[in-house]
Amino acid sequence: MIFERKALTSFVLALCLALPARLPAAPEIAKAAAGEKPAQVTPKGKEEAPEKARNAAPVTPAAEKLPEDKPAAEDKPGKPAGDVPAKEMPEEEVEDEAAAERKEADAGTAVARPVSSDPVQVYGWRELVKIGDLELKLAAKLDTGALTSSIHAEEKELFERDGKKWVRFIVTDPGEKNSPRNRIEAPLMRIAHIKEPGGKSEAREVVRLNFTIGERKLRADFTLNNRSNMLSPVLIGRTTIKEIGWVDPSRAYLADQKIMR
């Protein structure tokens, strides 16, 4: 009995001595396990982020698109299909009639020209003129509202002579049934943009012609136009009128009467 108690006491004592040495081991293991868990999660998160970035890069390859889009952005827009070739209508010869009229009006307002005391011949609003050496007399309307003179022209044809542009056309009076048809060739001076009553701008060839009105022989620029629906096949604009005299809008055919004012 005494032996059994001593044996039990020795076992309990040995157990108590061994227990304090084992108890700290459990918290250290738990602490170590807890410390290893975040260490494993963090590298995993860092490895996944680059992997997602590598997968997303090929979706929008901006570096590959730029070389393809750049030439398209540098392309210069071409001329509209309806434009006249530069060989037939060079830009330096193009003149805007409306802009020229505005410039003339501004210049006339700014500077007042004194009235001369010299006698000036008076012409009617309508006169007969001869173009060049032709025997044909054409009715001409003297229009101070038009800047440039105009003449009815048919079968216009552009051609080159000695490296310069010329125009070949037919002059006639479309209002007369048996009017003679005369072919004229003249150097092309420029292309004028004339604004029509409907608001559209029409390009017309401009040539320089000799003409006679009464006893006056003059040289002026004429636009080539289809005037078949006009009262007169020739129109004399104010650029030429200011060189020949005054216009009386109440009378016609005064050139041969030599009325002076």
Protein backbone atom coordinates (compact mmCIF):
# COMPACT_ATOMS: atom_id res chain seq x y z
CA MET A 1 0.00 0.00 0.00
CA ILE A 2 2.74 2.35 0.97
CA PHE A 3 4.63 1.30 -2.16
CA GLU A 4 1.68 2.07 -4.39
CA ARG A 5 1.30 5.58 -2.90
CA LYS A 6 4.97 6.29 -3.39
CA ALA A 7 4.73 5.12 -6.99
CA LEU A 8 1.66 7.31 -7.61
CA THR A 9 3.35 10.32 -6.01
CA SER A 10 6.44 9.80 -8.12
CA PHE A 11 4.28 9.61 -11.30
CA VAL A 12 2.37 12.79 -10.43
CA LEU A 13 5.60 14.60 -9.62
CA ALA A 14 7.18 13.49 -12.87
CA LEU A 15 4.08 14.55 -14.75
CA CYS A 16 4.14 18.01 -13.10
CA LEU A 17 7.81 18.44 -13.95
CA ALA A 18 7.24 17.47 -17.58
CA LEU A 19 4.06 19.51 -18.10
CA PRO A 20 5.60 23.06 -17.86
CA ALA A 21 8.17 22.16 -20.52
CA ARG A 22 5.49 21.03 -23.02
CA LEU A 23 2.92 23.84 -22.52
CA PRO A 24 5.02 26.66 -24.07
CA ALA A 25 5.62 24.53 -27.10
CA ALA A 26 1.97 24.71 -28.17
CA PRO A 27 1.70 28.52 -28.27
CA GLU A 28 5.01 28.72 -30.16
CA ILE A 29 3.77 26.24 -32.72
CA ALA A 30 0.49 28.12 -33.04
CA LYS A 31 2.35 31.41 -33.30
CA ALA A 32 4.67 29.99 -35.91
CA ALA A 33 1.74 28.59 -37.82
CA ALA A 34 -0.03 31.95 -37.63
CA GLY A 35 3.12 33.72 -38.82
CA GLU A 36 3.60 31.39 -41.76
CA LYS A 37 0.05 31.85 -43.04
CA PRO A 38 0.34 35.57 -43.93
CA ALA A 39 3.79 34.92 -45.35
CA GLN A 40 2.25 32.43 -47.76
CA VAL A 41 -0.72 34.68 -48.71
CA THR A 42 1.35 37.78 -49.48
CA PRO A 43 3.64 36.23 -52.11
CA LYS A 44 0.64 34.62 -53.71
CA GLY A 45 -1.08 38.00 -54.09
CA LYS A 46 2.08 39.55 -55.52
CA GLU A 47 2.43 36.78 -58.09
CA GLU A 48 -1.18 37.11 -59.26
CA ALA A 49 -0.98 40.86 -59.98
CA PRO A 50 1.80 40.65 -62.63
CA GLU A 51 0.09 37.66 -64.15
CA LYS A 52 -3.14 39.65 -64.65
CA ALA A 53 -1.21 42.59 -66.10
CA ARG A 54 0.52 40.32 -68.60
CA ASN A 55 -2.80 38.86 -69.65
CA ALA A 56 -4.41 42.32 -70.08
CA ALA A 57 -1.61 43.95 -72.18
CA PRO A 58 -2.32 42.27 -75.55
CA VAL A 59 -5.97 43.35 -75.48
CA THR A 60 -5.19 47.01 -76.47
CA PRO A 61 -1.76 47.06 -78.14
CA ALA A 62 -1.49 50.85 -78.54
CA ALA A 63 2.11 50.60 -79.71
CA GLU A 64 1.04 48.44 -82.64
CA LYS A 65 -1.89 50.69 -83.68
CA LEU A 66 0.03 53.97 -83.80
CA PRO A 67 2.19 53.12 -86.84
CA GLU A 68 -0.94 52.03 -88.74
CA ASP A 69 -3.01 55.12 -87.88
CA LYS A 70 -0.21 57.66 -88.38
CA PRO A 71 0.00 57.51 -92.19
CA ALA A 72 -3.75 57.96 -92.45
CA ALA A 73 -3.57 61.09 -90.30
CA GLU A 74 -0.77 62.53 -92.44
CA ASP A 75 -2.56 62.01 -95.73
CA LYS A 76 -3.46 65.32 -97.36
CA PRO A 77 -7.05 65.70 -98.56
CA GLY A 78 -7.34 65.73 -102.32
CA LYS A 79 -9.30 68.12 -104.50
CA PRO A 80 -13.01 67.51 -105.05
CA ALA A 81 -13.88 65.48 -108.10
CA GLY A 82 -15.68 68.43 -109.69
CA ASP A 83 -12.64 70.74 -109.72
CA VAL A 84 -11.26 71.87 -113.08
CA PRO A 85 -7.70 70.62 -113.74
CA ALA A 86 -4.98 73.09 -112.79
CA LYS A 87 -3.68 73.08 -116.35
CA GLU A 88 -6.92 74.59 -117.63
CA MET A 89 -7.62 76.86 -114.67
CA PRO A 90 -4.48 77.93 -112.77
CA GLU A 91 -5.08 79.43 -109.34
CA GLU A 92 -3.06 82.58 -110.03
CA GLU A 93 -5.44 83.48 -112.85
CA VAL A 94 -8.64 83.05 -110.83
CA GLU A 95 -10.44 86.24 -109.83
CA ASP A 96 -13.48 86.59 -107.59
CA GLU A 97 -15.78 89.15 -109.22
CA ALA A 98 -17.69 89.82 -105.99
CA ALA A 99 -14.48 90.50 -104.04
CA ALA A 100 -13.27 92.84 -106.79
CA GLU A 101 -16.55 94.77 -106.65
CA ARG A 102 -16.34 95.17 -102.86
CA LYS A 103 -12.77 96.41 -103.16
CA GLU A 104 -13.76 98.90 -105.85
CA ALA A 105 -16.71 100.16 -103.78
CA ASP A 106 -14.50 100.68 -100.71
CA ALA A 107 -11.91 102.55 -102.78
CA GLY A 108 -14.59 104.76 -104.34
CA THR A 109 -15.99 105.65 -100.93
CA ALA A 110 -12.64 106.48 -99.41
CA VAL A 111 -11.39 108.72 -102.24
CA ALA A 112 -13.68 111.23 -103.98
CA ARG A 113 -12.73 111.85 -107.61
CA PRO A 114 -13.12 115.46 -108.73
CA VAL A 115 -15.43 116.09 -111.69
CA SER A 116 -13.48 117.24 -114.74
CA SER A 117 -14.54 120.34 -116.65
CA ASP A 118 -13.52 118.73 -119.96
CA PRO A 119 -16.36 117.76 -122.33
CA VAL A 120 -17.46 114.15 -121.94
CA GLN A 121 -19.43 112.20 -124.51
CA VAL A 122 -22.78 110.81 -123.45
CA TYR A 123 -23.90 107.30 -124.45
CA GLY A 124 -27.28 105.64 -124.18
CA TRP A 125 -28.03 102.60 -122.08
CA ARG A 126 -27.87 100.58 -125.32
CA GLU A 127 -25.40 101.02 -128.18
CA LEU A 128 -24.05 99.13 -131.21
CA VAL A 129 -20.46 97.87 -131.06
CA LYS A 130 -18.08 96.14 -133.45
CA ILE A 131 -15.78 93.43 -132.09
CA GLY A 132 -12.27 93.50 -133.54
CA ASP A 133 -12.19 93.70 -137.33
CA LEU A 134 -15.58 92.05 -137.76
CA GLU A 135 -18.17 93.89 -139.84
CA LEU A 136 -20.87 92.52 -137.58
CA LYS A 137 -22.45 95.07 -135.25
CA LEU A 138 -23.81 93.74 -131.98
CA ALA A 139 -26.18 95.40 -129.54
CA ALA A 140 -24.42 96.20 -126.26
CA LYS A 141 -26.01 97.10 -122.95
CA LEU A 142 -24.06 99.66 -120.94
CA ASP A 143 -24.52 98.43 -117.37
CA THR A 144 -22.95 100.36 -114.49
CA GLY A 145 -24.06 97.58 -112.15
CA ALA A 146 -21.62 95.12 -113.72
CA LEU A 147 -17.89 95.33 -113.09
CA THR A 148 -16.54 93.46 -116.14
CA SER A 149 -17.81 93.47 -119.70
CA SER A 150 -19.28 90.30 -121.16
CA ILE A 151 -19.92 88.84 -124.61
CA HIS A 152 -21.98 85.95 -125.90
CA ALA A 153 -19.66 83.08 -126.89
CA GLU A 154 -20.43 79.64 -128.34
CA GLU A 155 -18.30 76.52 -128.85
CA LYS A 156 -15.55 77.66 -126.49
CA GLU A 157 -12.30 75.74 -126.74
CA LEU A 158 -9.10 76.15 -124.71
CA PHE A 159 -5.77 75.56 -126.43
CA GLU A 160 -2.10 76.51 -126.12
CA ARG A 161 -0.06 78.68 -128.44
CA ASP A 162 3.62 79.47 -127.85
CA GLY A 163 3.30 78.16 -124.30
CA LYS A 164 0.35 80.42 -123.44
CA LYS A 165 -3.32 79.64 -123.02
CA TRP A 166 -5.76 80.84 -125.65
CA VAL A 167 -9.51 80.54 -126.18
CA ARG A 168 -11.27 79.87 -129.48
CA PHE A 169 -14.98 80.74 -129.64
CA ILE A 170 -17.78 81.89 -131.94
CA VAL A 171 -19.35 85.36 -131.73
CA THR A 172 -22.92 85.79 -132.96
CA ASP A 173 -26.21 87.39 -132.01
CA PRO A 174 -28.47 84.60 -130.70
CA GLY A 175 -31.46 86.97 -130.87
CA GLU A 176 -31.28 87.16 -134.67
CA LYS A 177 -32.18 84.14 -136.75
CA ASN A 178 -29.69 84.71 -139.59
CA SER A 179 -26.92 86.36 -137.58
CA PRO A 180 -23.40 85.62 -138.98
CA ARG A 181 -21.18 83.31 -136.95
CA ASN A 182 -17.61 84.54 -136.59
CA ARG A 183 -14.82 82.53 -134.99
CA ILE A 184 -12.41 84.49 -132.80
CA GLU A 185 -9.18 83.46 -131.08
CA ALA A 186 -7.90 85.46 -128.11
CA PRO A 187 -5.38 84.95 -125.29
CA LEU A 188 -6.82 83.83 -121.96
CA MET A 189 -6.27 86.55 -119.39
CA ARG A 190 -7.72 84.87 -116.31
CA ILE A 191 -10.69 82.96 -114.91
CA ALA A 192 -13.36 85.06 -113.18
CA HIS A 193 -15.91 83.71 -110.69
CA ILE A 194 -19.21 85.42 -111.44
CA LYS A 195 -22.05 85.18 -108.93
CA GLU A 196 -25.32 84.27 -110.60
CA PRO A 197 -28.73 85.58 -109.43
CA GLY A 198 -29.43 82.19 -107.82
CA GLY A 199 -26.39 82.58 -105.54
CA LYS A 200 -24.13 80.11 -107.32
CA SER A 201 -20.68 81.15 -108.50
CA GLU A 202 -19.78 80.27 -112.08
CA ALA A 203 -16.26 80.24 -113.54
CA ARG A 204 -15.86 82.08 -116.84
CA GLU A 205 -12.95 82.69 -119.15
CA VAL A 206 -11.80 86.30 -119.56
CA VAL A 207 -10.24 87.51 -122.84
CA ARG A 208 -9.06 90.93 -123.99
CA LEU A 209 -10.74 92.21 -127.17
CA ASN A 210 -10.65 95.31 -129.33
CA PHE A 211 -14.03 96.89 -129.98
CA THR A 212 -15.45 100.06 -131.49
CA ILE A 213 -18.34 102.11 -130.12
CA GLY A 214 -19.26 105.12 -132.23
CA GLU A 215 -15.90 106.53 -133.28
CA ARG A 216 -14.08 105.33 -130.16
CA LYS A 217 -11.76 102.37 -130.46
CA LEU A 218 -11.08 100.66 -127.15
CA ARG A 219 -9.57 97.51 -125.71
CA ALA A 220 -11.22 95.79 -122.75
CA ASP A 221 -11.58 92.50 -120.89
CA PHE A 222 -14.68 90.43 -121.67
CA THR A 223 -15.99 87.36 -119.90
CA LEU A 224 -17.20 84.63 -122.25
CA ASN A 225 -20.78 83.82 -121.39
CA ASN A 226 -23.96 82.32 -122.75
CA ARG A 227 -26.19 85.38 -123.19
CA SER A 228 -28.83 83.74 -125.37
CA ASN A 229 -31.48 84.58 -122.76
CA MET A 230 -30.35 88.21 -122.48
CA LEU A 231 -31.61 91.23 -124.39
CA SER A 232 -28.14 92.12 -125.70
CA PRO A 233 -25.34 89.75 -126.75
CA VAL A 234 -22.75 92.21 -125.37
CA LEU A 235 -22.58 93.91 -121.98
CA ILE A 236 -20.24 96.83 -121.25
CA GLY A 237 -19.32 97.04 -117.57
CA ARG A 238 -18.37 100.10 -115.56
CA THR A 239 -14.64 99.29 -115.78
CA THR A 240 -14.92 100.21 -119.47
CA ILE A 241 -17.70 102.79 -119.14
CA LYS A 242 -15.55 105.07 -116.99
CA GLU A 243 -13.05 105.17 -119.87
CA ILE A 244 -15.52 106.16 -122.60
CA GLY A 245 -17.86 108.70 -120.99
CA TRP A 246 -21.22 109.07 -119.31
CA VAL A 247 -24.38 106.98 -119.63
CA ASP A 248 -27.87 108.42 -120.01
CA PRO A 249 -30.22 105.63 -118.82
CA SER A 250 -33.23 107.35 -120.40
CA ARG A 251 -31.99 107.11 -124.02
CA ALA A 252 -30.35 104.64 -126.40
CA TYR A 253 -28.06 104.73 -129.45
CA LEU A 254 -26.40 108.08 -128.77
CA ALA A 255 -22.87 107.14 -129.83
CA ASP A 256 -23.18 108.42 -133.40
CA GLN A 257 -24.81 111.68 -132.30
CA LYS A 258 -21.74 112.81 -130.39
CA ILE A 259 -23.67 114.43 -127.58
CA MET A 260 -21.22 116.09 -125.20
CA ARG A 261 -21.67 117.22 -121.62
